[in-house]
């Protein structure tokens, strides 16, 4: 029994060798490349080793891959990678099953046998895992140009038109190289030219060779430029104008040419007046040796744009000329449709200004050019350059900044044949927003008395126009006014009387529009009234100060005062007060004993004061 168990636990050496050979035969192509040369010596180590101790993939401690880096030059190229794994003792393992992966399958893919296939330009890392051991190989796909492939072998282009040039640069396996652009060159630019967007232009009928180049690679494309039908080129007569019913000043001429600009003779051409507007003489003309045809175009009687088509035999494109038939004043009427043209200054009138244009019989005239202007400021914007199907033209009129009568003028047709039409409107002042001092500011008056001139104020809107009947609020900082509020008259003006306060100096009166926080500051300077009192104030060193004031105790400057002494001498005997109403004098005691006094008398007044001296 023991011998039987032993034979089951440890395979015979011959059997073990056959099993390892079988395992090696069943490995992938990559695993088959593991160093088999060392397997014989490794097998010797396993002859006397129990079966359970034979190394497995989990015994791998190191793995290496060859090559560690390689480059493919074409999409579809393959690179064979080989892996080697060793165990902890450094012995090469044979019975392993490596796992292969790619970091970017769009660049390089790898199968279970380690075969790498280039899929797209770039760089990818191929990783092989054996147990816990990992190895990497860096694979770069960098296509190399091997050929140029043209989209066509023959390109036919109509004269004067473009044809797309198509070409691709291929690698050795025929894959297109992205971003590889060829350069083009023509053998005859007079027949076929090449522009920067890789398009061929047919210049004149003929043949040319266009070559595509990329590095040292070249390929040629045969190009045929095909002639096309002739066209009609207008020479003179476009954009003219004349009075309705009159011939245009310049004949209409056109040239029949090929796509390359060569004149074509003998082509019948018909001049077709559209909608019965006028006539052409002749109606049909044949191109001469220079390919030229001509006619005289007489406009129809209806003002506005008129048209004539030039149709040439065998030519699909028919040019159409336009001429302006100007209205004539004797046959044209302009009337204002909008009834009320009034609003606030600076505002846009609503509804729009509308005029209607008709002929003398009252038939509306559509498609007549109309221009607008405002001679009194503001602006006007036409809502169309011409009259509509009802013969009407509209404009948005923004009134000017000045209140009163304003005008908007309409130019119908040509100024040489039609006078200006003038419509009148009224611009009303807006709401009062501020006050202006018209007269009476910065006056000078006596303290406590009314100013000599009235204060004239004007209530104005935001455009500076006077606002009738505006309510004004009066806020005197000093003195009084007749009322705390006044109302402007029909001209927007208000007149007030201001009685100054009793204190001399600068005084202020604030006037504002009712409901408006800010206002205008009216100023006046109050000066002292006539002298009403005099005081004597003793000071050190036998000096005395004279103080002269008016009835409100304001100092009176420039006032003459006479000084006299009793049992004392005063010097000077006459003084004049300074800006503070003061003057200085000295006194000397008399030789007598007894009471000493100084008396001050203000000239021209009853003001008098006596000071007893020490």
Foldseek 3Di string as FASTA:
>chain_A
DVVVVVCVFAPALVVVVVVLVVLLVPAALQLVPAPCVLVVVVSVVRRPPTPVPDDALLQWDAKEKPPQEDEAAAQFDKDAMHMWTAGPVRRTDRNWQKDKAKPDVCQWGADSRRIIGGRDADKIKIWIDRNPYIYIHIYGYHHDFDAKDWPDQEAEAEAFDKDATDMFTHGPVRDGDPPQAWDKDKPDVCQWDADPVRIIHGQDFDKIKMWTDGVPYIDIHIYGYHWDWKDKAWDDDAAFEDAAQAWTPDKTKIFIATSNRQTDWFWKKAKAWPPPFFDWVPRIDTQHPRRMDIIITGGHRAFAKTKIWIDIPRHPDIDIGIYGHFYAAQFKDKAWDDDAFEDAAQAKDPPWTKMAMDTPVRHGHWRWAKDKAWPPAWGKAWPDRIQHPRRMTTIITGHHLEFFKTKMWMDTGDVVRHPIDIDIHGHDFDAFAAKDWPDDFAAEEAAQAKTPAWTKMFTHHPSRAGDAQFKKAKDWPFFDWPDRIDTHHRRRMDTTITGGHREFAKTWMFMTTVPHDHYDIGIYGHDFDDWDAWDWADDPPQKIKIFTGHPSRQADFQWKKAKDKDQKHKPPRIFGHHPRNMDMIGIGGHPDDDWMKMKIDTPPDRYIDMDTDD
